[in-house]
């Protein structure tokens, strides 16, 4: 367990900081994190769950949350590397499921 590639997490952090500085929408920032973690596997285990939770954490920083049935989330997130889902497609999916926090 643990981090497999520490440098990849530094790269991700730099990318996300730059996206925030450049004013990217929350869904695109979250999509970038989710796609990177799922496709690059920086951890020894739980990359799919970690990627989704990271996306959810980013969205929450913007007072939003991703609302979808757990089975849909599982199928969609597993399809990122299995079916080659792009960051743009993930961003669209997040936008469709984003709701304001209560």
C-alpha atoms as a PDB file:
ATOM      1  CA  UNK A   1       0.000   0.000   0.000  1.00  0.00           C
ATOM      2  CA  UNK A   2       1.022   3.610  -0.332  1.00  0.00           C
ATOM      3  CA  UNK A   3       2.397   5.836  -3.018  1.00  0.00           C
ATOM      4  CA  UNK A   4       3.990   4.122  -6.007  1.00  0.00           C
ATOM      5  CA  UNK A   5       5.188   7.265  -7.810  1.00  0.00           C
ATOM      6  CA  UNK A   6       5.702  10.326  -5.585  1.00  0.00           C
ATOM      7  CA  UNK A   7       6.774  12.473  -8.524  1.00  0.00           C
ATOM      8  CA  UNK A   8       3.455  11.859 -10.238  1.00  0.00           C
ATOM      9  CA  UNK A   9       1.610  13.328  -7.257  1.00  0.00           C
ATOM     10  CA  UNK A  10       3.842  16.409  -7.386  1.00  0.00           C
ATOM     11  CA  UNK A  11       3.028  16.726 -11.080  1.00  0.00           C
ATOM     12  CA  UNK A  12      -0.691  16.411 -10.359  1.00  0.00           C
ATOM     13  CA  UNK A  13      -0.544  19.030  -7.597  1.00  0.00           C
ATOM     14  CA  UNK A  14       1.287  21.447  -9.893  1.00  0.00           C
ATOM     15  CA  UNK A  15      -1.225  20.832 -12.688  1.00  0.00           C
ATOM     16  CA  UNK A  16      -4.211  21.418 -10.409  1.00  0.00           C
ATOM     17  CA  UNK A  17      -2.714  24.594  -8.922  1.00  0.00           C
ATOM     18  CA  UNK A  18      -2.120  25.949 -12.415  1.00  0.00           C
ATOM     19  CA  UNK A  19      -5.663  25.110 -13.485  1.00  0.00           C
ATOM     20  CA  UNK A  20      -7.038  27.021 -10.487  1.00  0.00           C
ATOM     21  CA  UNK A  21      -4.763  30.008 -11.234  1.00  0.00           C
ATOM     22  CA  UNK A  22      -5.896  29.942 -14.871  1.00  0.00           C
ATOM     23  CA  UNK A  23      -9.564  29.983 -13.826  1.00  0.00           C
ATOM     24  CA  UNK A  24     -10.628  26.567 -15.106  1.00  0.00           C
ATOM     25  CA  UNK A  25     -14.164  25.533 -14.097  1.00  0.00           C
ATOM     26  CA  UNK A  26     -14.446  23.180 -11.095  1.00  0.00           C
ATOM     27  CA  UNK A  27     -15.632  20.213 -13.198  1.00  0.00           C
ATOM     28  CA  UNK A  28     -12.557  20.422 -15.432  1.00  0.00           C
ATOM     29  CA  UNK A  29     -10.196  20.592 -12.457  1.00  0.00           C
ATOM     30  CA  UNK A  30     -11.888  17.608 -10.838  1.00  0.00           C
ATOM     31  CA  UNK A  31     -11.895  15.720 -14.151  1.00  0.00           C
ATOM     32  CA  UNK A  32      -8.173  16.280 -14.567  1.00  0.00           C
ATOM     33  CA  UNK A  33      -7.463  14.858 -11.115  1.00  0.00           C
ATOM     34  CA  UNK A  34      -9.795  11.888 -11.584  1.00  0.00           C
ATOM     35  CA  UNK A  35      -8.430  11.031 -15.016  1.00  0.00           C
ATOM     36  CA  UNK A  36      -4.797  11.354 -13.906  1.00  0.00           C
ATOM     37  CA  UNK A  37      -5.138   9.178 -10.817  1.00  0.00           C
ATOM     38  CA  UNK A  38      -7.131   6.459 -12.573  1.00  0.00           C
ATOM     39  CA  UNK A  39      -4.982   6.342 -15.708  1.00  0.00           C
ATOM     40  CA  UNK A  40      -1.516   6.883 -14.186  1.00  0.00           C
ATOM     41  CA  UNK A  41      -1.935   4.701 -11.058  1.00  0.00           C
ATOM     42  CA  UNK A  42       0.283   6.718  -8.669  1.00  0.00           C
ATOM     43  CA  UNK A  43      -0.773   4.459  -5.769  1.00  0.00           C
ATOM     44  CA  UNK A  44      -0.209   0.753  -5.301  1.00  0.00           C
ATOM     45  CA  UNK A  45      -3.922   0.180  -4.743  1.00  0.00           C
ATOM     46  CA  UNK A  46      -7.290   1.971  -4.752  1.00  0.00           C
ATOM     47  CA  UNK A  47      -6.562   4.361  -7.629  1.00  0.00           C
ATOM     48  CA  UNK A  48     -10.180   4.305  -8.826  1.00  0.00           C
ATOM     49  CA  UNK A  49     -11.626   5.081  -5.390  1.00  0.00           C
ATOM     50  CA  UNK A  50      -8.911   7.642  -4.659  1.00  0.00           C
ATOM     51  CA  UNK A  51      -9.443   9.350  -8.012  1.00  0.00           C
ATOM     52  CA  UNK A  52     -13.170   9.688  -7.406  1.00  0.00           C
ATOM     53  CA  UNK A  53     -12.711  10.924  -3.845  1.00  0.00           C
ATOM     54  CA  UNK A  54     -10.151  13.468  -5.065  1.00  0.00           C
ATOM     55  CA  UNK A  55     -12.630  14.717  -7.676  1.00  0.00           C
ATOM     56  CA  UNK A  56     -15.308  14.925  -4.995  1.00  0.00           C
ATOM     57  CA  UNK A  57     -12.927  16.840  -2.700  1.00  0.00           C
ATOM     58  CA  UNK A  58     -12.111  19.347  -5.438  1.00  0.00           C
ATOM     59  CA  UNK A  59     -15.776  19.854  -6.304  1.00  0.00           C
ATOM     60  CA  UNK A  60     -16.608  20.380  -2.624  1.00  0.00           C
ATOM     61  CA  UNK A  61     -14.007  23.161  -2.441  1.00  0.00           C
ATOM     62  CA  UNK A  62     -16.305  24.990  -4.879  1.00  0.00           C
ATOM     63  CA  UNK A  63     -19.415  24.284  -2.728  1.00  0.00           C
ATOM     64  CA  UNK A  64     -20.605  21.490  -5.017  1.00  0.00           C
ATOM     65  CA  UNK A  65     -20.860  17.712  -4.791  1.00  0.00           C
ATOM     66  CA  UNK A  66     -21.134  14.883  -7.277  1.00  0.00           C
ATOM     67  CA  UNK A  67     -24.492  13.153  -6.906  1.00  0.00           C
ATOM     68  CA  UNK A  68     -24.871   9.776  -8.625  1.00  0.00           C
ATOM     69  CA  UNK A  69     -25.854   6.264  -7.573  1.00  0.00           C
ATOM     70  CA  UNK A  70     -22.840   4.311  -6.250  1.00  0.00           C
ATOM     71  CA  UNK A  71     -23.143   1.671  -8.996  1.00  0.00           C
ATOM     72  CA  UNK A  72     -23.069   4.354 -11.708  1.00  0.00           C
ATOM     73  CA  UNK A  73     -19.980   5.913 -10.134  1.00  0.00           C
ATOM     74  CA  UNK A  74     -18.241   2.535  -9.983  1.00  0.00           C
ATOM     75  CA  UNK A  75     -19.034   1.640 -13.603  1.00  0.00           C
ATOM     76  CA  UNK A  76     -18.074   5.098 -14.877  1.00  0.00           C
ATOM     77  CA  UNK A  77     -14.816   5.404 -12.932  1.00  0.00           C
ATOM     78  CA  UNK A  78     -13.707   1.878 -13.870  1.00  0.00           C
ATOM     79  CA  UNK A  79     -14.450   2.730 -17.505  1.00  0.00           C
ATOM     80  CA  UNK A  80     -11.938   5.585 -17.496  1.00  0.00           C
ATOM     81  CA  UNK A  81      -8.948   3.339 -18.093  1.00  0.00           C
ATOM     82  CA  UNK A  82     -10.896   0.357 -19.453  1.00  0.00           C
ATOM     83  CA  UNK A  83     -12.724   2.314 -22.179  1.00  0.00           C
ATOM     84  CA  UNK A  84     -10.413   5.286 -22.624  1.00  0.00           C
ATOM     85  CA  UNK A  85     -12.782   7.939 -21.265  1.00  0.00           C
ATOM     86  CA  UNK A  86     -11.235  11.387 -21.810  1.00  0.00           C
ATOM     87  CA  UNK A  87     -10.894  14.311 -19.406  1.00  0.00           C
ATOM     88  CA  UNK A  88     -13.471  16.235 -21.459  1.00  0.00           C
ATOM     89  CA  UNK A  89     -15.974  13.380 -21.131  1.00  0.00           C
ATOM     90  CA  UNK A  90     -15.327  13.156 -17.392  1.00  0.00           C
ATOM     91  CA  UNK A  91     -15.808  16.915 -17.034  1.00  0.00           C
ATOM     92  CA  UNK A  92     -19.165  16.686 -18.820  1.00  0.00           C
ATOM     93  CA  UNK A  93     -20.214  13.789 -16.577  1.00  0.00           C
ATOM     94  CA  UNK A  94     -19.258  15.744 -13.446  1.00  0.00           C
ATOM     95  CA  UNK A  95     -21.112  18.860 -14.659  1.00  0.00           C
ATOM     96  CA  UNK A  96     -24.272  16.787 -15.247  1.00  0.00           C
ATOM     97  CA  UNK A  97     -24.097  15.355 -11.734  1.00  0.00           C
ATOM     98  CA  UNK A  98     -22.845  18.382  -9.782  1.00  0.00           C
ATOM     99  CA  UNK A  99     -25.216  19.907  -7.277  1.00  0.00           C
ATOM    100  CA  UNK A 100     -24.783  22.750  -4.795  1.00  0.00           C
ATOM    101  CA  UNK A 101     -24.037  21.692  -1.257  1.00  0.00           C
ATOM    102  CA  UNK A 102     -27.020  22.082   1.075  1.00  0.00           C
END
